[in-house]
Amino acid sequence: MTNTWKAYDPGLFYDELISPKGNPRKPAQKLVNYLKTLSEDDIVLRKQAADATIREMGVSFTVYTEQGNIDRAWPFDIIPRVISKKQWDKTAAGLEQRLRALNMFIDDLYHDQRIIKDGIIPEFVLKQSKNYRKECEGISPPFGVWAHICGTDLVRDKDGEFYVLEDNLRVPSGVSYMLENRSIMKRVLPEVFEKVDIAPVWEYTEHLFSMLSSLSPRKVKTPIIAVLTPGIFNSAYFEHAFLAQQIGAELVEGSDLVVPDDDCVYMKTINGLERVDVIYRRIDDLFLDPEAFNKDSVLGVPGLMRAWKAGNVALANAPGAGVADDKVVYAYVPQVIKYYLGEEPLLPNVETFLCYDDKQREYVLANLDKLVVKPANESGGYGMLVGPHSTKKERETFAELIKANPRNYIAQPTLALSTAPTVIGRATMEPRHLDLRPFILQGKDTYVTTGGLTRVAMKKGSLVVNSSQGGGSKDTWIVDTDGEGK
């Protein structure tokens, strides 16, 4: 194991476990020391144990391909990522600050739009927003919160600091894999958990239940909560079923719910109709209610928006929350924080170029080979250009797309994403690039996960970590240590 650390170039990337001098970072000291005691056969056995556990637990995800939907076992790497508690506490405070400001921003947009009137964000950015819902204007959800569950993607650059890459406020996914990764690790490396003070992650489900319960329009001891899923063919169905089971909620599809003339939502049961208080929806806005949005939708519930507007059911996340998902809006989040909270952002954005601005667009078009270009409202790593890995033809295509609709594109520098040792092949350990998706809950109170879902690009040199495009994941350890913060 010792020789594998020599493959890292500390001058190019920040390594999560090893310092530039080749020594274990203090938070990872005990882990690395343990890994060095393992033989190649030990690594193989633990990898096999992880794969068997994943199959036994049924942890899977669906990949959409031209050949059809493929259900795959969850790709998992047995070498965890380690972050010190000291640095995580600072990061968590920044995430909480960010979501508070974003919820104030969303609430403002659907009411007075002060931030636009005061010239902080251009009016056309809102008017051309794909996810702004006029149907939500004037509605005031509980606590003024629209995005109750947020998955914010973080990356580390060469300096070892966390930067926000993007916010996911529509229907963020992945938290179940964060929880299952921990279960797998406890089976694979139980000895390390006895030696290292690792922050727990399973309290997330308790906080999710408490947050959803706090939204209930009926002040009952145990509100009825339902997880609304598109069904078994959705790529995140495993997560929908998992979370419903963990919080004691009903897992329902649109056909299981009905909204009669009293504008309340009821669930069909063998004993008749039972009123539902809170819906954790995993369906996009436009498919939620055929009365209000897409008339052809068979996934949603006719009348659901009527019930929500009447205050008879809570929806998490609220329809319209995706207006803050826009990557053009992302570029303004530092100003949003200052405007609503009067505070400096605790977490920095990645430098971002707005293609609707003439000068910034000119720079982007002249440097497409160096930049990452993203459409404003795509997700999952789709529809983007990674300049250094692109062909001349691809850059020419994107240049035309940007010129045709500059409002729809942003560009960012190609980051030197941090790396961590990852088991490749039988037992070879090589560096692979990472990102991190922690989850933030906001209702009556706010909660940030201890760590999050670390996604890893399993292909050498790749910066694309999404599981749908070949990425995998690691367990994320927040370790309480008095050592260095990084």
Protein backbone atom coordinates (compact mmCIF):
# COMPACT_ATOMS: atom_id res chain seq x y z
CA MET A 1 0.00 0.00 0.00
CA THR A 2 2.82 2.45 0.74
CA ASN A 3 3.92 2.78 -2.89
CA THR A 4 0.45 3.76 -4.09
CA TRP A 5 0.74 7.22 -2.48
CA LYS A 6 3.59 8.12 -4.84
CA ALA A 7 1.16 8.40 -7.77
CA TYR A 8 -0.12 11.76 -6.51
CA ASP A 9 1.17 15.10 -7.78
CA PRO A 10 0.61 17.60 -4.94
CA GLY A 11 1.36 20.50 -7.27
CA LEU A 12 -1.67 19.83 -9.46
CA PHE A 13 -4.48 18.80 -7.12
CA TYR A 14 -5.44 18.92 -3.46
CA ASP A 15 -5.46 15.38 -2.11
CA GLU A 16 -8.09 14.66 0.55
CA LEU A 17 -5.97 12.18 2.53
CA ILE A 18 -2.31 12.96 1.79
CA SER A 19 -0.40 16.22 2.31
CA PRO A 20 1.98 17.67 -0.34
CA LYS A 21 4.89 16.13 1.61
CA GLY A 22 3.40 12.67 1.19
CA ASN A 23 2.22 12.30 4.79
CA PRO A 24 -1.34 11.55 5.93
CA ARG A 25 -3.37 14.67 6.72
CA LYS A 26 -4.06 14.75 10.43
CA PRO A 27 -7.82 13.99 10.20
CA ALA A 28 -6.96 10.96 8.03
CA GLN A 29 -3.94 9.76 10.04
CA LYS A 30 -5.57 6.74 11.66
CA LEU A 31 -7.34 5.72 8.47
CA VAL A 32 -4.20 5.88 6.34
CA ASN A 33 -2.16 4.03 8.95
CA TYR A 34 -4.77 1.28 8.94
CA LEU A 35 -4.90 1.10 5.13
CA LYS A 36 -1.13 0.65 5.02
CA THR A 37 -1.50 -2.55 7.00
CA LEU A 38 -3.78 -4.10 4.40
CA SER A 39 -2.43 -6.44 1.76
CA GLU A 40 -3.71 -6.54 -1.80
CA ASP A 41 -5.80 -9.58 -0.91
CA ASP A 42 -7.29 -7.70 2.06
CA ILE A 43 -8.37 -4.88 -0.27
CA VAL A 44 -9.93 -7.37 -2.69
CA LEU A 45 -11.86 -9.08 0.11
CA ARG A 46 -13.21 -5.79 1.44
CA LYS A 47 -14.19 -4.65 -2.02
CA GLN A 48 -16.02 -7.93 -2.56
CA ALA A 49 -17.72 -7.53 0.83
CA ALA A 50 -18.91 -4.06 -0.16
CA ASP A 51 -20.29 -5.31 -3.48
CA ALA A 52 -22.07 -8.19 -1.74
CA THR A 53 -23.56 -5.82 0.85
CA ILE A 54 -24.86 -3.53 -1.89
CA ARG A 55 -26.55 -6.46 -3.62
CA GLU A 56 -27.96 -7.73 -0.32
CA MET A 57 -29.36 -4.31 0.61
CA GLY A 58 -30.72 -3.73 -2.89
CA VAL A 59 -28.99 -0.37 -3.27
CA SER A 60 -29.47 0.56 -6.92
CA PHE A 61 -30.01 3.38 -9.38
CA THR A 62 -31.36 3.57 -12.91
CA VAL A 63 -29.43 4.77 -15.93
CA TYR A 64 -31.38 6.02 -18.94
CA THR A 65 -29.83 4.93 -22.26
CA GLU A 66 -30.87 4.77 -25.88
CA GLN A 67 -31.21 1.01 -25.43
CA GLY A 68 -33.63 1.49 -22.51
CA ASN A 69 -33.51 1.85 -18.73
CA ILE A 70 -30.79 -0.13 -16.97
CA ASP A 71 -31.03 -0.85 -13.25
CA ARG A 72 -27.53 -0.98 -11.75
CA ALA A 73 -26.02 -1.71 -8.38
CA TRP A 74 -24.79 1.43 -6.64
CA PRO A 75 -21.09 2.08 -7.55
CA PHE A 76 -19.13 2.39 -4.31
CA ASP A 77 -15.47 2.84 -3.41
CA ILE A 78 -14.24 1.49 -0.07
CA ILE A 79 -11.69 4.26 0.63
CA PRO A 80 -13.58 7.01 2.48
CA ARG A 81 -13.07 10.73 2.21
CA VAL A 82 -12.07 12.45 5.48
CA ILE A 83 -12.82 16.06 6.50
CA SER A 84 -12.01 17.63 9.86
CA LYS A 85 -14.90 18.71 12.07
CA LYS A 86 -13.32 22.14 12.43
CA GLN A 87 -13.53 22.80 8.71
CA TRP A 88 -16.93 21.17 8.39
CA ASP A 89 -18.49 23.35 11.08
CA LYS A 90 -17.42 26.41 9.09
CA THR A 91 -18.76 24.90 5.88
CA ALA A 92 -22.08 23.93 7.48
CA ALA A 93 -22.58 27.49 8.72
CA GLY A 94 -22.06 28.72 5.16
CA LEU A 95 -24.58 26.22 3.79
CA GLU A 96 -27.18 27.23 6.36
CA GLN A 97 -26.61 30.92 5.56
CA ARG A 98 -26.96 30.24 1.85
CA LEU A 99 -30.28 28.39 2.09
CA ARG A 100 -31.79 31.00 4.42
CA ALA A 101 -30.95 33.71 1.90
CA LEU A 102 -32.19 31.68 -1.06
CA ASN A 103 -35.53 31.04 0.61
CA MET A 104 -35.91 34.75 1.32
CA PHE A 105 -35.08 35.40 -2.32
CA ILE A 106 -37.69 32.92 -3.60
CA ASP A 107 -40.33 34.32 -1.26
CA ASP A 108 -39.54 37.85 -2.44
CA LEU A 109 -39.84 36.85 -6.11
CA TYR A 110 -43.36 35.52 -5.59
CA HIS A 111 -44.41 38.63 -3.66
CA ASP A 112 -42.91 42.12 -3.91
CA GLN A 113 -39.79 41.40 -6.03
CA ARG A 114 -37.83 43.98 -4.07
CA ILE A 115 -34.50 42.57 -5.19
CA ILE A 116 -35.41 43.32 -8.80
CA LYS A 117 -36.86 46.74 -8.07
CA ASP A 118 -33.66 47.62 -6.20
CA GLY A 119 -31.56 46.63 -9.21
CA ILE A 120 -29.66 43.75 -7.61
CA ILE A 121 -30.81 41.22 -10.24
CA PRO A 122 -31.91 42.27 -13.75
CA GLU A 123 -35.63 41.88 -14.42
CA PHE A 124 -35.10 39.91 -17.63
CA VAL A 125 -33.30 37.18 -15.66
CA LEU A 126 -36.58 36.47 -13.88
CA LYS A 127 -38.81 36.91 -16.94
CA GLN A 128 -36.74 34.40 -18.89
CA SER A 129 -36.44 31.93 -16.02
CA LYS A 130 -37.52 28.44 -17.04
CA ASN A 131 -38.58 27.53 -13.49
CA TYR A 132 -40.49 30.64 -12.42
CA ARG A 133 -44.12 29.67 -11.80
CA LYS A 134 -46.73 32.43 -12.10
CA GLU A 135 -49.15 30.01 -10.43
CA CYS A 136 -47.20 30.50 -7.19
CA GLU A 137 -47.43 34.28 -7.00
CA GLY A 138 -48.85 35.55 -3.72
CA ILE A 139 -48.60 32.21 -1.90
CA SER A 140 -46.97 32.19 1.54
CA PRO A 141 -45.82 28.69 2.59
CA PRO A 142 -45.11 27.94 6.27
CA PHE A 143 -42.16 29.86 7.73
CA GLY A 144 -41.66 31.56 4.35
CA VAL A 145 -39.70 28.50 3.24
CA TRP A 146 -39.97 27.21 -0.32
CA ALA A 147 -36.91 24.97 -0.61
CA HIS A 148 -37.10 22.67 2.41
CA ILE A 149 -34.53 20.17 1.16
CA CYS A 150 -31.47 21.46 -0.68
CA GLY A 151 -28.51 19.55 -2.07
CA THR A 152 -25.62 21.95 -2.61
CA ASP A 153 -22.69 20.73 -4.67
CA LEU A 154 -19.28 21.64 -3.25
CA VAL A 155 -15.83 21.26 -4.76
CA ARG A 156 -12.31 21.78 -3.45
CA ASP A 157 -9.74 23.58 -5.56
CA LYS A 158 -5.94 23.55 -5.14
CA ASP A 159 -6.17 25.74 -2.02
CA GLY A 160 -8.12 23.06 -0.16
CA GLU A 161 -11.07 25.37 0.45
CA PHE A 162 -14.67 24.46 -0.40
CA TYR A 163 -16.44 26.34 -3.18
CA VAL A 164 -20.12 26.13 -4.09
CA LEU A 165 -20.50 24.73 -7.59
CA GLU A 166 -24.30 24.81 -7.75
CA ASP A 167 -27.48 24.67 -5.69
CA ASN A 168 -30.17 22.00 -6.20
CA LEU A 169 -33.53 23.15 -4.87
CA ARG A 170 -36.11 21.46 -7.06
CA VAL A 171 -36.03 17.73 -6.28
CA PRO A 172 -32.50 17.08 -4.95
CA SER A 173 -31.52 13.43 -4.70
CA GLY A 174 -28.73 11.33 -3.27
CA VAL A 175 -29.17 11.49 0.49
CA SER A 176 -30.20 7.83 0.75
CA TYR A 177 -26.89 6.85 -0.83
CA MET A 178 -25.06 8.96 1.73
CA LEU A 179 -26.79 6.96 4.47
CA GLU A 180 -26.30 3.58 2.82
CA ASN A 181 -22.63 4.33 2.17
CA ARG A 182 -22.14 4.56 5.93
CA SER A 183 -23.90 1.24 6.49
CA ILE A 184 -21.65 -0.40 3.91
CA MET A 185 -18.48 1.08 5.44
CA LYS A 186 -19.36 -0.18 8.90
CA ARG A 187 -19.46 -3.69 7.48
CA VAL A 188 -16.30 -3.31 5.41
CA LEU A 189 -14.00 -1.45 7.85
CA PRO A 190 -15.54 -2.03 11.31
CA GLU A 191 -12.12 -1.87 12.98
CA VAL A 192 -11.57 1.76 11.96
CA PHE A 193 -14.87 2.90 13.47
CA GLU A 194 -13.58 1.69 16.83
CA LYS A 195 -10.43 3.84 16.50
CA VAL A 196 -11.69 7.03 14.83
CA ASP A 197 -14.24 9.54 16.16
CA ILE A 198 -16.51 9.74 13.07
CA ALA A 199 -19.62 11.92 13.19
CA PRO A 200 -22.86 9.94 12.65
CA VAL A 201 -25.11 10.56 9.65
CA TRP A 202 -28.28 8.63 10.47
CA GLU A 203 -29.82 11.51 12.44
CA TYR A 204 -30.72 13.00 9.05
CA THR A 205 -33.91 10.95 8.88
CA GLU A 206 -35.02 12.21 12.30
CA HIS A 207 -34.47 15.79 11.20
CA LEU A 208 -36.26 15.15 7.90
CA PHE A 209 -39.29 13.79 9.75
CA SER A 210 -39.28 16.72 12.21
CA MET A 211 -38.95 19.26 9.41
CA LEU A 212 -41.78 17.76 7.37
CA SER A 213 -43.97 17.46 10.47
CA SER A 214 -43.41 21.14 11.27
CA LEU A 215 -45.06 22.05 7.95
CA SER A 216 -48.36 20.30 8.71
CA PRO A 217 -51.41 22.58 8.39
CA ARG A 218 -53.20 20.47 11.00
CA LYS A 219 -51.70 20.68 14.44
CA VAL A 220 -51.99 17.00 15.21
CA LYS A 221 -49.60 14.87 17.23
CA THR A 222 -48.64 12.71 14.26
CA PRO A 223 -49.34 14.30 10.88
CA ILE A 224 -49.78 12.05 7.87
CA ILE A 225 -46.77 12.38 5.59
CA ALA A 226 -46.54 10.95 2.08
CA VAL A 227 -43.61 10.62 -0.30
CA LEU A 228 -44.93 11.24 -3.82
CA THR A 229 -42.94 9.23 -6.38
CA PRO A 230 -43.27 8.98 -10.19
CA GLY A 231 -43.02 5.22 -9.77
CA ILE A 232 -40.66 2.28 -9.99
CA PHE A 233 -39.12 3.33 -13.31
CA ASN A 234 -37.75 6.59 -11.94
CA SER A 235 -33.96 6.62 -11.51
CA ALA A 236 -34.28 7.62 -7.84
CA TYR A 237 -37.09 5.21 -6.90
CA PHE A 238 -34.79 3.35 -4.51
CA GLU A 239 -34.34 6.59 -2.59
CA HIS A 240 -38.06 7.39 -2.56
CA ALA A 241 -38.88 4.00 -1.05
CA PHE A 242 -35.93 4.13 1.33
CA LEU A 243 -36.79 7.54 2.78
CA ALA A 244 -40.48 6.74 3.11
CA GLN A 245 -39.60 3.65 5.11
CA GLN A 246 -37.07 5.47 7.29
CA ILE A 247 -39.41 8.29 8.34
CA GLY A 248 -42.58 6.21 8.56
CA ALA A 249 -44.23 7.97 5.60
CA GLU A 250 -46.56 6.52 3.01
CA LEU A 251 -45.00 5.91 -0.41
CA VAL A 252 -47.59 6.97 -2.96
CA GLU A 253 -48.01 7.63 -6.65
CA GLY A 254 -50.31 10.27 -8.08
CA SER A 255 -53.12 7.77 -8.63
CA ASP A 256 -53.12 6.98 -4.89
CA LEU A 257 -54.20 10.53 -4.00
CA VAL A 258 -57.37 12.50 -4.65
CA VAL A 259 -58.49 16.10 -4.05
CA PRO A 260 -62.29 16.40 -3.68
CA ASP A 261 -64.32 19.61 -3.49
CA ASP A 262 -63.11 20.44 0.04
CA ASP A 263 -59.62 21.17 -1.39
CA CYS A 264 -57.91 18.68 0.93
CA VAL A 265 -55.67 15.83 -0.18
CA TYR A 266 -56.72 12.29 0.64
CA MET A 267 -54.96 8.96 0.26
CA LYS A 268 -56.93 5.95 -0.95
CA THR A 269 -56.73 3.08 1.54
CA ILE A 270 -58.58 -0.18 2.01
CA ASN A 271 -60.48 1.56 4.83
CA GLY A 272 -61.48 4.54 2.72
CA LEU A 273 -59.96 7.97 2.30
CA GLU A 274 -57.35 9.24 4.78
CA ARG A 275 -56.31 12.89 4.81
CA VAL A 276 -52.67 13.70 4.00
CA ASP A 277 -51.00 16.68 5.72
CA VAL A 278 -47.56 16.86 4.13
CA ILE A 279 -46.29 15.65 0.77
CA TYR A 280 -42.57 15.21 0.18
CA ARG A 281 -42.79 15.33 -3.57
CA ARG A 282 -40.22 13.75 -5.87
CA ILE A 283 -41.98 14.88 -9.05
CA ASP A 284 -41.03 17.96 -11.06
CA ASP A 285 -43.34 20.99 -10.95
CA LEU A 286 -44.83 20.59 -14.39
CA PHE A 287 -46.05 17.06 -13.66
CA LEU A 288 -47.48 17.75 -10.18
CA ASP A 289 -51.01 18.75 -11.13
CA PRO A 290 -52.59 18.42 -14.59
CA GLU A 291 -55.13 21.09 -13.63
CA ALA A 292 -52.41 23.70 -13.08
CA PHE A 293 -49.48 22.59 -15.25
CA ASN A 294 -49.01 19.87 -17.86
CA LYS A 295 -52.54 18.70 -18.75
CA ASP A 296 -51.21 15.39 -20.05
CA SER A 297 -49.42 14.43 -16.84
CA VAL A 298 -50.46 11.10 -15.36
CA LEU A 299 -47.86 11.32 -12.57
CA GLY A 300 -49.44 14.09 -10.53
CA VAL A 301 -52.65 14.74 -8.63
CA PRO A 302 -55.49 16.81 -10.13
CA GLY A 303 -56.31 19.62 -7.72
CA LEU A 304 -53.07 19.39 -5.73
CA MET A 305 -52.24 23.05 -6.35
CA ARG A 306 -55.74 24.05 -5.20
CA ALA A 307 -55.19 22.20 -1.93
CA TRP A 308 -51.74 23.77 -1.48
CA LYS A 309 -52.97 27.30 -2.20
CA ALA A 310 -55.82 26.78 0.27
CA GLY A 311 -53.27 25.89 2.95
CA ASN A 312 -54.71 22.40 3.42
CA VAL A 313 -51.55 20.51 2.53
CA ALA A 314 -47.83 21.30 2.68
CA LEU A 315 -45.55 20.52 -0.27
CA ALA A 316 -41.83 20.01 0.14
CA ASN A 317 -40.19 21.33 -1.85
CA ALA A 318 -42.77 23.93 -2.75
CA PRO A 319 -43.63 24.40 -6.42
CA GLY A 320 -41.66 27.27 -7.87
CA ALA A 321 -38.61 26.74 -5.66
CA GLY A 322 -36.62 25.82 -8.77
CA VAL A 323 -36.43 29.47 -9.78
CA ALA A 324 -33.33 29.62 -7.55
CA ASP A 325 -31.85 26.55 -9.27
CA ASP A 326 -31.07 28.67 -12.31
CA LYS A 327 -27.30 28.83 -12.80
CA VAL A 328 -27.62 32.50 -13.78
CA VAL A 329 -29.24 33.14 -10.41
CA TYR A 330 -26.38 31.14 -8.85
CA ALA A 331 -23.95 33.81 -10.02
CA TYR A 332 -25.88 36.38 -7.96
CA VAL A 333 -26.10 34.40 -4.70
CA PRO A 334 -23.30 36.38 -2.96
CA GLN A 335 -25.31 39.55 -3.64
CA VAL A 336 -28.50 37.77 -2.53
CA ILE A 337 -26.90 36.93 0.82
CA LYS A 338 -25.74 40.50 1.35
CA TYR A 339 -29.12 41.91 0.29
CA TYR A 340 -31.36 39.82 2.54
CA LEU A 341 -29.09 39.01 5.47
CA GLY A 342 -26.67 41.93 5.49
CA GLU A 343 -23.83 39.41 5.81
CA GLU A 344 -20.77 38.46 3.82
CA PRO A 345 -21.02 34.98 2.26
CA LEU A 346 -19.29 32.34 4.34
CA LEU A 347 -18.85 30.05 1.32
CA PRO A 348 -17.53 31.43 -1.98
CA ASN A 349 -18.96 30.71 -5.42
CA VAL A 350 -16.81 29.42 -8.22
CA GLU A 351 -15.91 32.30 -10.55
CA THR A 352 -18.74 32.53 -13.08
CA PHE A 353 -19.10 34.29 -16.43
CA LEU A 354 -22.59 35.35 -17.55
CA CYS A 355 -22.96 34.91 -21.27
CA TYR A 356 -25.76 37.49 -21.54
CA ASP A 357 -23.18 40.17 -20.69
CA ASP A 358 -21.46 41.29 -23.91
CA LYS A 359 -17.93 41.53 -22.50
CA GLN A 360 -18.18 38.30 -20.52
CA ARG A 361 -19.63 36.47 -23.53
CA GLU A 362 -16.77 37.73 -25.69
CA TYR A 363 -14.30 36.30 -23.18
CA VAL A 364 -16.14 32.98 -23.02
CA LEU A 365 -16.27 32.56 -26.79
CA ALA A 366 -12.55 33.30 -27.03
CA ASN A 367 -11.68 30.76 -24.32
CA LEU A 368 -14.03 27.83 -24.86
CA ASP A 369 -11.07 25.44 -24.81
CA LYS A 370 -10.30 26.43 -21.20
CA LEU A 371 -13.79 26.80 -19.68
CA VAL A 372 -16.71 24.65 -18.59
CA VAL A 373 -19.94 25.90 -20.20
CA LYS A 374 -23.27 24.99 -18.61
CA PRO A 375 -26.89 25.57 -19.60
CA ALA A 376 -28.86 27.48 -16.97
CA ASN A 377 -31.31 24.74 -15.99
CA GLU A 378 -29.89 21.33 -16.86
CA SER A 379 -28.65 18.88 -14.23
CA GLY A 380 -26.86 15.54 -14.00
CA GLY A 381 -23.88 16.75 -16.00
CA TYR A 382 -25.89 16.89 -19.22
CA GLY A 383 -25.79 19.58 -21.89
CA MET A 384 -22.43 21.00 -20.81
CA LEU A 385 -19.09 21.53 -22.47
CA VAL A 386 -15.86 20.68 -20.66
CA GLY A 387 -13.51 22.81 -22.74
CA PRO A 388 -10.16 21.06 -22.17
CA HIS A 389 -11.72 17.70 -23.03
CA SER A 390 -13.77 18.91 -26.01
CA THR A 391 -13.27 18.71 -29.77
CA LYS A 392 -13.13 21.69 -32.12
CA LYS A 393 -16.51 20.71 -33.53
CA GLU A 394 -18.08 20.59 -30.05
CA ARG A 395 -16.72 24.05 -29.27
CA GLU A 396 -18.07 25.42 -32.52
CA THR A 397 -21.49 23.97 -31.70
CA PHE A 398 -21.49 25.55 -28.26
CA ALA A 399 -20.39 28.88 -29.65
CA GLU A 400 -23.51 28.91 -31.83
CA LEU A 401 -25.72 27.86 -28.91
CA ILE A 402 -24.36 30.67 -26.75
CA LYS A 403 -24.81 33.28 -29.49
CA ALA A 404 -28.38 32.11 -30.15
CA ASN A 405 -29.44 32.21 -26.48
CA PRO A 406 -26.82 33.89 -24.29
CA ARG A 407 -29.19 34.12 -21.28
CA ASN A 408 -29.23 30.31 -21.15
CA TYR A 409 -25.49 29.80 -20.58
CA ILE A 410 -22.83 30.45 -17.97
CA ALA A 411 -19.16 29.51 -18.01
CA GLN A 412 -16.68 28.70 -15.26
CA PRO A 413 -12.96 27.98 -15.10
CA THR A 414 -11.99 24.32 -15.31
CA LEU A 415 -11.31 23.58 -11.67
CA ALA A 416 -8.52 21.39 -10.37
CA LEU A 417 -10.99 19.25 -8.43
CA SER A 418 -9.54 17.56 -5.38
CA THR A 419 -8.69 13.88 -5.55
CA ALA A 420 -8.64 10.93 -3.20
CA PRO A 421 -7.24 7.39 -3.37
CA THR A 422 -9.74 5.13 -5.12
CA VAL A 423 -9.61 1.38 -5.70
CA ILE A 424 -9.36 0.72 -9.43
CA GLY A 425 -9.43 -2.71 -11.00
CA ARG A 426 -8.55 -5.56 -8.66
CA ALA A 427 -6.77 -3.63 -5.91
CA THR A 428 -4.82 -0.78 -7.50
CA MET A 429 -5.19 2.57 -5.78
CA GLU A 430 -5.20 5.66 -7.98
CA PRO A 431 -6.33 9.27 -7.50
CA ARG A 432 -9.79 10.18 -8.78
CA HIS A 433 -11.60 13.53 -8.77
CA LEU A 434 -14.40 14.26 -6.27
CA ASP A 435 -17.21 16.58 -5.41
CA LEU A 436 -19.49 16.64 -2.36
CA ARG A 437 -23.26 17.06 -1.99
CA PRO A 438 -24.30 17.87 1.58
CA PHE A 439 -28.00 18.26 2.33
CA ILE A 440 -29.63 21.16 4.15
CA LEU A 441 -33.12 21.05 5.67
CA GLN A 442 -35.15 24.14 6.48
CA GLY A 443 -38.60 24.33 8.03
CA LYS A 444 -39.17 25.66 11.52
CA ASP A 445 -35.45 24.97 12.12
CA THR A 446 -32.41 24.40 9.92
CA TYR A 447 -30.15 21.34 9.81
CA VAL A 448 -27.05 20.46 7.77
CA THR A 449 -25.82 16.90 7.32
CA THR A 450 -22.48 15.96 8.83
CA GLY A 451 -20.72 15.59 5.53
CA GLY A 452 -22.74 14.47 2.54
CA LEU A 453 -22.62 12.34 -0.57
CA THR A 454 -19.11 12.25 -2.00
CA ARG A 455 -19.29 11.48 -5.71
CA VAL A 456 -16.18 10.29 -7.49
CA ALA A 457 -15.27 10.18 -11.17
CA MET A 458 -14.18 6.59 -11.67
CA LYS A 459 -12.63 7.27 -15.08
CA LYS A 460 -9.03 8.47 -15.02
CA GLY A 461 -8.78 12.22 -15.55
CA SER A 462 -12.56 12.67 -15.75
CA LEU A 463 -14.25 15.57 -13.95
CA VAL A 464 -17.77 14.13 -14.39
CA VAL A 465 -18.84 12.53 -11.13
CA ASN A 466 -22.51 11.82 -11.87
CA SER A 467 -23.47 8.17 -11.38
CA SER A 468 -25.58 8.31 -14.56
CA GLN A 469 -22.36 8.99 -16.47
CA GLY A 470 -20.11 6.41 -14.86
CA GLY A 471 -19.35 8.04 -11.52
CA GLY A 472 -19.25 6.31 -8.16
CA SER A 473 -19.36 7.36 -4.51
CA LYS A 474 -17.49 7.22 -1.21
CA ASP A 475 -18.44 7.44 2.43
CA THR A 476 -17.70 10.89 3.87
CA TRP A 477 -16.17 11.05 7.34
CA ILE A 478 -16.30 14.14 9.50
CA VAL A 479 -13.60 13.49 12.07
CA ASP A 480 -13.25 15.36 15.35
CA THR A 481 -9.58 16.24 15.68
CA ASP A 482 -7.48 19.09 16.98
CA GLY A 483 -5.27 18.80 13.92
CA GLU A 484 -5.18 20.89 10.79
CA GLY A 485 -8.54 22.01 9.43
CA LYS A 486 -8.05 20.63 5.97
